[in-house]
Amino acid sequence: MAYGLSIVLGFVLKKLEFSVLVYIYSFLGLESLDLTLLECLAFGSTLSATDPVTILAIFTQYKVDPKLYTIIFGESLLNDAVSIVMYE
């Protein structure tokens, strides 16, 4: 239970950090972006989900412990689910 909660909190903090950085960049007007905070939050929620395909392929190639493979795979599924919920 605590592991899942830490993953969700870490994802939310990463999403908010990325969204705020994009909003600040937009606010500075360097690239003539005109994004609202809501648009930055939606953008951040879609880009913060990590894609572990490469890591899982390497784990398969080197025959890593199946428990570690399952943990990484489960974390990626949870990150994708949280990303979808936060985007909606």
PDB file of N, CA and C in Angstrom:
ATOM      1  N   MET A   1       0.828  -1.202   0.000  1.00  0.00           N
ATOM      2  CA  MET A   1       0.000   0.000   0.000  1.00  0.00           C
ATOM      3  C   MET A   1       0.868   1.260   0.000  1.00  0.00           C
ATOM      4  N   ALA A   2       1.894   1.274   0.824  1.00  0.00           N
ATOM      5  CA  ALA A   2       2.753   2.457   0.904  1.00  0.00           C
ATOM      6  C   ALA A   2       3.550   2.634  -0.385  1.00  0.00           C
ATOM      7  N   TYR A   3       3.901   1.513  -1.028  1.00  0.00           N
ATOM      8  CA  TYR A   3       4.657   1.598  -2.284  1.00  0.00           C
ATOM      9  C   TYR A   3       3.820   2.265  -3.373  1.00  0.00           C
ATOM     10  N   GLY A   4       2.562   1.862  -3.495  1.00  0.00           N
ATOM     11  CA  GLY A   4       1.681   2.460  -4.491  1.00  0.00           C
ATOM     12  C   GLY A   4       1.435   3.931  -4.225  1.00  0.00           C
ATOM     13  N   LEU A   5       1.282   4.285  -2.959  1.00  0.00           N
ATOM     14  CA  LEU A   5       1.064   5.685  -2.595  1.00  0.00           C
ATOM     15  C   LEU A   5       2.288   6.528  -2.936  1.00  0.00           C
ATOM     16  N   SER A   6       3.484   5.990  -2.697  1.00  0.00           N
ATOM     17  CA  SER A   6       4.692   6.753  -3.012  1.00  0.00           C
ATOM     18  C   SER A   6       4.841   6.944  -4.518  1.00  0.00           C
ATOM     19  N   ILE A   7       4.418   5.948  -5.310  1.00  0.00           N
ATOM     20  CA  ILE A   7       4.482   6.089  -6.766  1.00  0.00           C
ATOM     21  C   ILE A   7       3.524   7.183  -7.229  1.00  0.00           C
ATOM     22  N   VAL A   8       2.312   7.172  -6.698  1.00  0.00           N
ATOM     23  CA  VAL A   8       1.325   8.167  -7.106  1.00  0.00           C
ATOM     24  C   VAL A   8       1.779   9.568  -6.694  1.00  0.00           C
ATOM     25  N   LEU A   9       2.271   9.717  -5.463  1.00  0.00           N
ATOM     26  CA  LEU A   9       2.738  11.034  -5.017  1.00  0.00           C
ATOM     27  C   LEU A   9       3.937  11.511  -5.842  1.00  0.00           C
ATOM     28  N   GLY A  10       4.846  10.606  -6.145  1.00  0.00           N
ATOM     29  CA  GLY A  10       5.993  10.971  -6.972  1.00  0.00           C
ATOM     30  C   GLY A  10       5.567  11.402  -8.360  1.00  0.00           C
ATOM     31  N   PHE A  11       4.594  10.694  -8.930  1.00  0.00           N
ATOM     32  CA  PHE A  11       4.114  11.060 -10.260  1.00  0.00           C
ATOM     33  C   PHE A  11       3.428  12.416 -10.238  1.00  0.00           C
ATOM     34  N   VAL A  12       2.601  12.657  -9.225  1.00  0.00           N
ATOM     35  CA  VAL A  12       1.889  13.938  -9.133  1.00  0.00           C
ATOM     36  C   VAL A  12       2.889  15.082  -8.979  1.00  0.00           C
ATOM     37  N   LEU A  13       3.902  14.891  -8.136  1.00  0.00           N
ATOM     38  CA  LEU A  13       4.899  15.949  -7.964  1.00  0.00           C
ATOM     39  C   LEU A  13       5.693  16.183  -9.245  1.00  0.00           C
ATOM     40  N   LYS A  14       6.036  15.117  -9.950  1.00  0.00           N
ATOM     41  CA  LYS A  14       6.764  15.257 -11.211  1.00  0.00           C
ATOM     42  C   LYS A  14       5.907  15.976 -12.243  1.00  0.00           C
ATOM     43  N   LYS A  15       4.623  15.628 -12.305  1.00  0.00           N
ATOM     44  CA  LYS A  15       3.707  16.263 -13.243  1.00  0.00           C
ATOM     45  C   LYS A  15       3.570  17.748 -12.940  1.00  0.00           C
ATOM     46  N   LEU A  16       3.381  18.086 -11.670  1.00  0.00           N
ATOM     47  CA  LEU A  16       3.234  19.489 -11.296  1.00  0.00           C
ATOM     48  C   LEU A  16       4.509  20.281 -11.575  1.00  0.00           C
ATOM     49  N   GLU A  17       5.653  19.672 -11.289  1.00  0.00           N
ATOM     50  CA  GLU A  17       6.921  20.351 -11.545  1.00  0.00           C
ATOM     51  C   GLU A  17       7.084  20.639 -13.037  1.00  0.00           C
ATOM     52  N   PHE A  18       6.820  19.661 -13.859  1.00  0.00           N
ATOM     53  CA  PHE A  18       6.942  19.846 -15.306  1.00  0.00           C
ATOM     54  C   PHE A  18       5.937  20.881 -15.811  1.00  0.00           C
ATOM     55  N   SER A  19       4.713  20.818 -15.313  1.00  0.00           N
ATOM     56  CA  SER A  19       3.674  21.753 -15.749  1.00  0.00           C
ATOM     57  C   SER A  19       4.020  23.182 -15.368  1.00  0.00           C
ATOM     58  N   VAL A  20       4.519  23.379 -14.158  1.00  0.00           N
ATOM     59  CA  VAL A  20       4.881  24.733 -13.712  1.00  0.00           C
ATOM     60  C   VAL A  20       6.041  25.272 -14.534  1.00  0.00           C
ATOM     61  N   LEU A  21       7.013  24.413 -14.852  1.00  0.00           N
ATOM     62  CA  LEU A  21       8.134  24.875 -15.677  1.00  0.00           C
ATOM     63  C   LEU A  21       7.670  25.288 -17.074  1.00  0.00           C
ATOM     64  N   VAL A  22       6.760  24.527 -17.654  1.00  0.00           N
ATOM     65  CA  VAL A  22       6.226  24.887 -18.972  1.00  0.00           C
ATOM     66  C   VAL A  22       5.430  26.189 -18.873  1.00  0.00           C
ATOM     67  N   TYR A  23       4.661  26.351 -17.787  1.00  0.00           N
ATOM     68  CA  TYR A  23       3.877  27.569 -17.607  1.00  0.00           C
ATOM     69  C   TYR A  23       4.791  28.793 -17.454  1.00  0.00           C
ATOM     70  N   ILE A  24       5.858  28.648 -16.685  1.00  0.00           N
ATOM     71  CA  ILE A  24       6.799  29.762 -16.507  1.00  0.00           C
ATOM     72  C   ILE A  24       7.461  30.110 -17.842  1.00  0.00           C
ATOM     73  N   TYR A  25       7.836  29.081 -18.594  1.00  0.00           N
ATOM     74  CA  TYR A  25       8.443  29.315 -19.910  1.00  0.00           C
ATOM     75  C   TYR A  25       7.462  30.022 -20.834  1.00  0.00           C
ATOM     76  N   SER A  26       6.206  29.606 -20.771  1.00  0.00           N
ATOM     77  CA  SER A  26       5.176  30.250 -21.585  1.00  0.00           C
ATOM     78  C   SER A  26       4.959  31.690 -21.136  1.00  0.00           C
ATOM     79  N   PHE A  27       4.991  31.917 -19.826  1.00  0.00           N
ATOM     80  CA  PHE A  27       4.766  33.246 -19.263  1.00  0.00           C
ATOM     81  C   PHE A  27       5.881  34.214 -19.662  1.00  0.00           C
ATOM     82  N   LEU A  28       7.104  33.692 -19.793  1.00  0.00           N
ATOM     83  CA  LEU A  28       8.225  34.557 -20.169  1.00  0.00           C
ATOM     84  C   LEU A  28       8.106  35.062 -21.603  1.00  0.00           C
ATOM     85  N   GLY A  29       7.405  34.342 -22.448  1.00  0.00           N
ATOM     86  CA  GLY A  29       7.171  34.795 -23.814  1.00  0.00           C
ATOM     87  C   GLY A  29       8.353  34.659 -24.745  1.00  0.00           C
ATOM     88  N   LEU A  30       9.270  33.781 -24.439  1.00  0.00           N
ATOM     89  CA  LEU A  30      10.446  33.619 -25.293  1.00  0.00           C
ATOM     90  C   LEU A  30      10.107  33.011 -26.648  1.00  0.00           C
ATOM     91  N   GLU A  31       9.167  32.114 -26.702  1.00  0.00           N
ATOM     92  CA  GLU A  31       8.790  31.448 -27.948  1.00  0.00           C
ATOM     93  C   GLU A  31       7.404  31.875 -28.412  1.00  0.00           C
ATOM     94  N   SER A  32       6.899  32.942 -27.887  1.00  0.00           N
ATOM     95  CA  SER A  32       5.554  33.453 -28.159  1.00  0.00           C
ATOM     96  C   SER A  32       4.474  32.392 -27.953  1.00  0.00           C
ATOM     97  N   LEU A  33       4.653  31.599 -26.895  1.00  0.00           N
ATOM     98  CA  LEU A  33       3.627  30.638 -26.489  1.00  0.00           C
ATOM     99  C   LEU A  33       2.612  31.358 -25.626  1.00  0.00           C
ATOM    100  N   ASP A  34       1.362  31.033 -25.799  1.00  0.00           N
ATOM    101  CA  ASP A  34       0.318  31.616 -24.972  1.00  0.00           C
ATOM    102  C   ASP A  34      -0.519  30.477 -24.403  1.00  0.00           C
ATOM    103  N   LEU A  35       0.017  29.835 -23.360  1.00  0.00           N
ATOM    104  CA  LEU A  35      -0.646  28.692 -22.750  1.00  0.00           C
ATOM    105  C   LEU A  35      -1.204  29.070 -21.384  1.00  0.00           C
ATOM    106  N   THR A  36      -2.398  28.596 -21.108  1.00  0.00           N
ATOM    107  CA  THR A  36      -2.972  28.807 -19.785  1.00  0.00           C
ATOM    108  C   THR A  36      -2.420  27.742 -18.837  1.00  0.00           C
ATOM    109  N   LEU A  37      -2.659  27.938 -17.554  1.00  0.00           N
ATOM    110  CA  LEU A  37      -2.197  26.961 -16.568  1.00  0.00           C
ATOM    111  C   LEU A  37      -2.879  25.614 -16.782  1.00  0.00           C
ATOM    112  N   LEU A  38      -4.144  25.620 -17.136  1.00  0.00           N
ATOM    113  CA  LEU A  38      -4.857  24.369 -17.384  1.00  0.00           C
ATOM    114  C   LEU A  38      -4.257  23.622 -18.573  1.00  0.00           C
ATOM    115  N   GLU A  39      -3.900  24.334 -19.615  1.00  0.00           N
ATOM    116  CA  GLU A  39      -3.262  23.695 -20.768  1.00  0.00           C
ATOM    117  C   GLU A  39      -1.897  23.121 -20.398  1.00  0.00           C
ATOM    118  N   CYS A  40      -1.169  23.841 -19.569  1.00  0.00           N
ATOM    119  CA  CYS A  40       0.140  23.339 -19.118  1.00  0.00           C
ATOM    120  C   CYS A  40      -0.015  22.100 -18.249  1.00  0.00           C
ATOM    121  N   LEU A  41      -1.057  22.057 -17.411  1.00  0.00           N
ATOM    122  CA  LEU A  41      -1.290  20.875 -16.581  1.00  0.00           C
ATOM    123  C   LEU A  41      -1.660  19.667 -17.437  1.00  0.00           C
ATOM    124  N   ALA A  42      -2.470  19.870 -18.464  1.00  0.00           N
ATOM    125  CA  ALA A  42      -2.819  18.769 -19.367  1.00  0.00           C
ATOM    126  C   ALA A  42      -1.588  18.299 -20.132  1.00  0.00           C
ATOM    127  N   PHE A  43      -0.777  19.229 -20.589  1.00  0.00           N
ATOM    128  CA  PHE A  43       0.457  18.893 -21.297  1.00  0.00           C
ATOM    129  C   PHE A  43       1.417  18.133 -20.387  1.00  0.00           C
ATOM    130  N   GLY A  44       1.547  18.591 -19.163  1.00  0.00           N
ATOM    131  CA  GLY A  44       2.438  17.933 -18.211  1.00  0.00           C
ATOM    132  C   GLY A  44       1.986  16.536 -17.841  1.00  0.00           C
ATOM    133  N   SER A  45       0.678  16.330 -17.752  1.00  0.00           N
ATOM    134  CA  SER A  45       0.189  14.997 -17.385  1.00  0.00           C
ATOM    135  C   SER A  45       0.419  13.987 -18.493  1.00  0.00           C
ATOM    136  N   THR A  46       0.410  14.425 -19.738  1.00  0.00           N
ATOM    137  CA  THR A  46       0.650  13.480 -20.830  1.00  0.00           C
ATOM    138  C   THR A  46       2.135  13.185 -21.015  1.00  0.00           C
ATOM    139  N   LEU A  47       3.001  14.149 -20.742  1.00  0.00           N
ATOM    140  CA  LEU A  47       4.422  13.934 -20.966  1.00  0.00           C
ATOM    141  C   LEU A  47       5.161  13.366 -19.766  1.00  0.00           C
ATOM    142  N   SER A  48       4.557  13.398 -18.578  1.00  0.00           N
ATOM    143  CA  SER A  48       5.289  12.907 -17.419  1.00  0.00           C
ATOM    144  C   SER A  48       5.243  11.406 -17.250  1.00  0.00           C
ATOM    145  N   ALA A  49       4.347  10.738 -17.912  1.00  0.00           N
ATOM    146  CA  ALA A  49       4.298   9.275 -17.808  1.00  0.00           C
ATOM    147  C   ALA A  49       5.534   8.703 -18.500  1.00  0.00           C
ATOM    148  N   THR A  50       6.226   7.842 -17.804  1.00  0.00           N
ATOM    149  CA  THR A  50       7.454   7.282 -18.369  1.00  0.00           C
ATOM    150  C   THR A  50       7.144   6.060 -19.214  1.00  0.00           C
ATOM    151  N   ASP A  51       7.985   5.817 -20.184  1.00  0.00           N
ATOM    152  CA  ASP A  51       7.819   4.674 -21.076  1.00  0.00           C
ATOM    153  C   ASP A  51       8.946   3.681 -20.803  1.00  0.00           C
ATOM    154  N   PRO A  52       8.646   2.573 -20.146  1.00  0.00           N
ATOM    155  CA  PRO A  52       9.701   1.640 -19.734  1.00  0.00           C
ATOM    156  C   PRO A  52      10.000   0.540 -20.753  1.00  0.00           C
ATOM    157  N   VAL A  53       9.587   0.698 -22.003  1.00  0.00           N
ATOM    158  CA  VAL A  53       9.758  -0.371 -22.979  1.00  0.00           C
ATOM    159  C   VAL A  53      11.231  -0.745 -23.131  1.00  0.00           C
ATOM    160  N   THR A  54      12.089   0.247 -23.210  1.00  0.00           N
ATOM    161  CA  THR A  54      13.513  -0.018 -23.368  1.00  0.00           C
ATOM    162  C   THR A  54      14.079  -0.738 -22.152  1.00  0.00           C
ATOM    163  N   ILE A  55      13.706  -0.275 -20.978  1.00  0.00           N
ATOM    164  CA  ILE A  55      14.201  -0.900 -19.750  1.00  0.00           C
ATOM    165  C   ILE A  55      13.735  -2.348 -19.659  1.00  0.00           C
ATOM    166  N   LEU A  56      12.479  -2.600 -19.977  1.00  0.00           N
ATOM    167  CA  LEU A  56      11.961  -3.963 -19.911  1.00  0.00           C
ATOM    168  C   LEU A  56      12.621  -4.858 -20.965  1.00  0.00           C
ATOM    169  N   ALA A  57      12.939  -4.313 -22.121  1.00  0.00           N
ATOM    170  CA  ALA A  57      13.639  -5.099 -23.139  1.00  0.00           C
ATOM    171  C   ALA A  57      15.046  -5.463 -22.669  1.00  0.00           C
ATOM    172  N   ILE A  58      15.728  -4.524 -22.035  1.00  0.00           N
ATOM    173  CA  ILE A  58      17.060  -4.802 -21.496  1.00  0.00           C
ATOM    174  C   ILE A  58      16.974  -5.839 -20.382  1.00  0.00           C
ATOM    175  N   PHE A  59      15.965  -5.706 -19.519  1.00  0.00           N
ATOM    176  CA  PHE A  59      15.780  -6.686 -18.449  1.00  0.00           C
ATOM    177  C   PHE A  59      15.559  -8.084 -19.023  1.00  0.00           C
ATOM    178  N   THR A  60      14.799  -8.190 -20.100  1.00  0.00           N
ATOM    179  CA  THR A  60      14.548  -9.491 -20.723  1.00  0.00           C
ATOM    180  C   THR A  60      15.835 -10.054 -21.326  1.00  0.00           C
ATOM    181  N   GLN A  61      16.624  -9.190 -21.950  1.00  0.00           N
ATOM    182  CA  GLN A  61      17.856  -9.626 -22.581  1.00  0.00           C
ATOM    183  C   GLN A  61      18.859 -10.155 -21.559  1.00  0.00           C
ATOM    184  N   TYR A  62      18.964  -9.480 -20.418  1.00  0.00           N
ATOM    185  CA  TYR A  62      19.940  -9.870 -19.402  1.00  0.00           C
ATOM    186  C   TYR A  62      19.373 -10.792 -18.327  1.00  0.00           C
ATOM    187  N   LYS A  63      18.161 -11.230 -18.515  1.00  0.00           N
ATOM    188  CA  LYS A  63      17.510 -12.178 -17.597  1.00  0.00           C
ATOM    189  C   LYS A  63      17.557 -11.694 -16.143  1.00  0.00           C
ATOM    190  N   VAL A  64      17.036 -10.495 -15.931  1.00  0.00           N
ATOM    191  CA  VAL A  64      16.990  -9.888 -14.605  1.00  0.00           C
ATOM    192  C   VAL A  64      15.944 -10.615 -13.758  1.00  0.00           C
ATOM    193  N   ASP A  65      16.065 -10.484 -12.465  1.00  0.00           N
ATOM    194  CA  ASP A  65      15.137 -11.104 -11.526  1.00  0.00           C
ATOM    195  C   ASP A  65      13.687 -10.787 -11.917  1.00  0.00           C
ATOM    196  N   PRO A  66      12.830 -11.798 -12.009  1.00  0.00           N
ATOM    197  CA  PRO A  66      11.442 -11.562 -12.421  1.00  0.00           C
ATOM    198  C   PRO A  66      10.676 -10.615 -11.500  1.00  0.00           C
ATOM    199  N   LYS A  67      11.049 -10.587 -10.221  1.00  0.00           N
ATOM    200  CA  LYS A  67      10.371  -9.674  -9.289  1.00  0.00           C
ATOM    201  C   LYS A  67      10.661  -8.217  -9.660  1.00  0.00           C
ATOM    202  N   LEU A  68      11.904  -7.918 -10.014  1.00  0.00           N
ATOM    203  CA  LEU A  68      12.259  -6.557 -10.425  1.00  0.00           C
ATOM    204  C   LEU A  68      11.537  -6.182 -11.719  1.00  0.00           C
ATOM    205  N   TYR A  69      11.469  -7.123 -12.658  1.00  0.00           N
ATOM    206  CA  TYR A  69      10.746  -6.891 -13.912  1.00  0.00           C
ATOM    207  C   TYR A  69       9.281  -6.566 -13.631  1.00  0.00           C
ATOM    208  N   THR A  70       8.666  -7.313 -12.718  1.00  0.00           N
ATOM    209  CA  THR A  70       7.260  -7.102 -12.381  1.00  0.00           C
ATOM    210  C   THR A  70       7.042  -5.756 -11.707  1.00  0.00           C
ATOM    211  N   ILE A  71       7.965  -5.355 -10.867  1.00  0.00           N
ATOM    212  CA  ILE A  71       7.844  -4.055 -10.185  1.00  0.00           C
ATOM    213  C   ILE A  71       7.913  -2.912 -11.197  1.00  0.00           C
ATOM    214  N   ILE A  72       8.871  -2.963 -12.111  1.00  0.00           N
ATOM    215  CA  ILE A  72       8.996  -1.908 -13.126  1.00  0.00           C
ATOM    216  C   ILE A  72       7.775  -1.893 -14.035  1.00  0.00           C
ATOM    217  N   PHE A  73       7.308  -3.067 -14.434  1.00  0.00           N
ATOM    218  CA  PHE A  73       6.131  -3.154 -15.300  1.00  0.00           C
ATOM    219  C   PHE A  73       4.892  -2.612 -14.584  1.00  0.00           C
ATOM    220  N   GLY A  74       4.714  -2.980 -13.322  1.00  0.00           N
ATOM    221  CA  GLY A  74       3.572  -2.486 -12.549  1.00  0.00           C
ATOM    222  C   GLY A  74       3.618  -0.984 -12.341  1.00  0.00           C
ATOM    223  N   GLU A  75       4.822  -0.466 -12.100  1.00  0.00           N
ATOM    224  CA  GLU A  75       4.956   0.983 -11.918  1.00  0.00           C
ATOM    225  C   GLU A  75       4.594   1.724 -13.194  1.00  0.00           C
ATOM    226  N   SER A  76       4.996   1.193 -14.335  1.00  0.00           N
ATOM    227  CA  SER A  76       4.662   1.866 -15.593  1.00  0.00           C
ATOM    228  C   SER A  76       3.160   1.843 -15.842  1.00  0.00           C
ATOM    229  N   LEU A  77       2.510   0.733 -15.510  1.00  0.00           N
ATOM    230  CA  LEU A  77       1.053   0.684 -15.660  1.00  0.00           C
ATOM    231  C   LEU A  77       0.367   1.681 -14.739  1.00  0.00           C
ATOM    232  N   LEU A  78       0.859   1.781 -13.505  1.00  0.00           N
ATOM    233  CA  LEU A  78       0.269   2.724 -12.562  1.00  0.00           C
ATOM    234  C   LEU A  78       0.498   4.164 -13.010  1.00  0.00           C
ATOM    235  N   ASN A  79       1.696   4.454 -13.524  1.00  0.00           N
ATOM    236  CA  ASN A  79       1.967   5.805 -14.024  1.00  0.00           C
ATOM    237  C   ASN A  79       1.054   6.156 -15.186  1.00  0.00           C
ATOM    238  N   ASP A  80       0.840   5.217 -16.094  1.00  0.00           N
ATOM    239  CA  ASP A  80      -0.044   5.484 -17.223  1.00  0.00           C
ATOM    240  C   ASP A  80      -1.478   5.722 -16.752  1.00  0.00           C
ATOM    241  N   ALA A  81      -1.932   4.931 -15.790  1.00  0.00           N
ATOM    242  CA  ALA A  81      -3.288   5.098 -15.275  1.00  0.00           C
ATOM    243  C   ALA A  81      -3.454   6.459 -14.595  1.00  0.00           C
ATOM    244  N   VAL A  82      -2.488   6.850 -13.780  1.00  0.00           N
ATOM    245  CA  VAL A  82      -2.556   8.153 -13.110  1.00  0.00           C
ATOM    246  C   VAL A  82      -2.519   9.276 -14.134  1.00  0.00           C
ATOM    247  N   SER A  83      -1.715   9.112 -15.180  1.00  0.00           N
ATOM    248  CA  SER A  83      -1.636  10.119 -16.226  1.00  0.00           C
ATOM    249  C   SER A  83      -2.978  10.297 -16.926  1.00  0.00           C
ATOM    250  N   ILE A  84      -3.648   9.192 -17.216  1.00  0.00           N
ATOM    251  CA  ILE A  84      -4.961   9.272 -17.869  1.00  0.00           C
ATOM    252  C   ILE A  84      -5.981   9.950 -16.967  1.00  0.00           C
ATOM    253  N   VAL A  85      -5.978   9.589 -15.698  1.00  0.00           N
ATOM    254  CA  VAL A  85      -6.936  10.183 -14.752  1.00  0.00           C
ATOM    255  C   VAL A  85      -6.678  11.674 -14.592  1.00  0.00           C
ATOM    256  N   MET A  86      -5.401  12.062 -14.484  1.00  0.00           N
ATOM    257  CA  MET A  86      -5.086  13.477 -14.290  1.00  0.00           C
ATOM    258  C   MET A  86      -5.380  14.276 -15.560  1.00  0.00           C
ATOM    259  N   TYR A  87      -5.236  13.660 -16.736  1.00  0.00           N
ATOM    260  CA  TYR A  87      -5.545  14.358 -17.983  1.00  0.00           C
ATOM    261  C   TYR A  87      -7.046  14.617 -18.095  1.00  0.00           C
ATOM    262  N   GLU A  88      -7.844  13.643 -17.678  1.00  0.00           N
ATOM    263  CA  GLU A  88      -9.295  13.798 -17.741  1.00  0.00           C
ATOM    264  C   GLU A  88      -9.747  14.839 -16.739  1.00  0.00           C
TER     265      GLU A  88
END
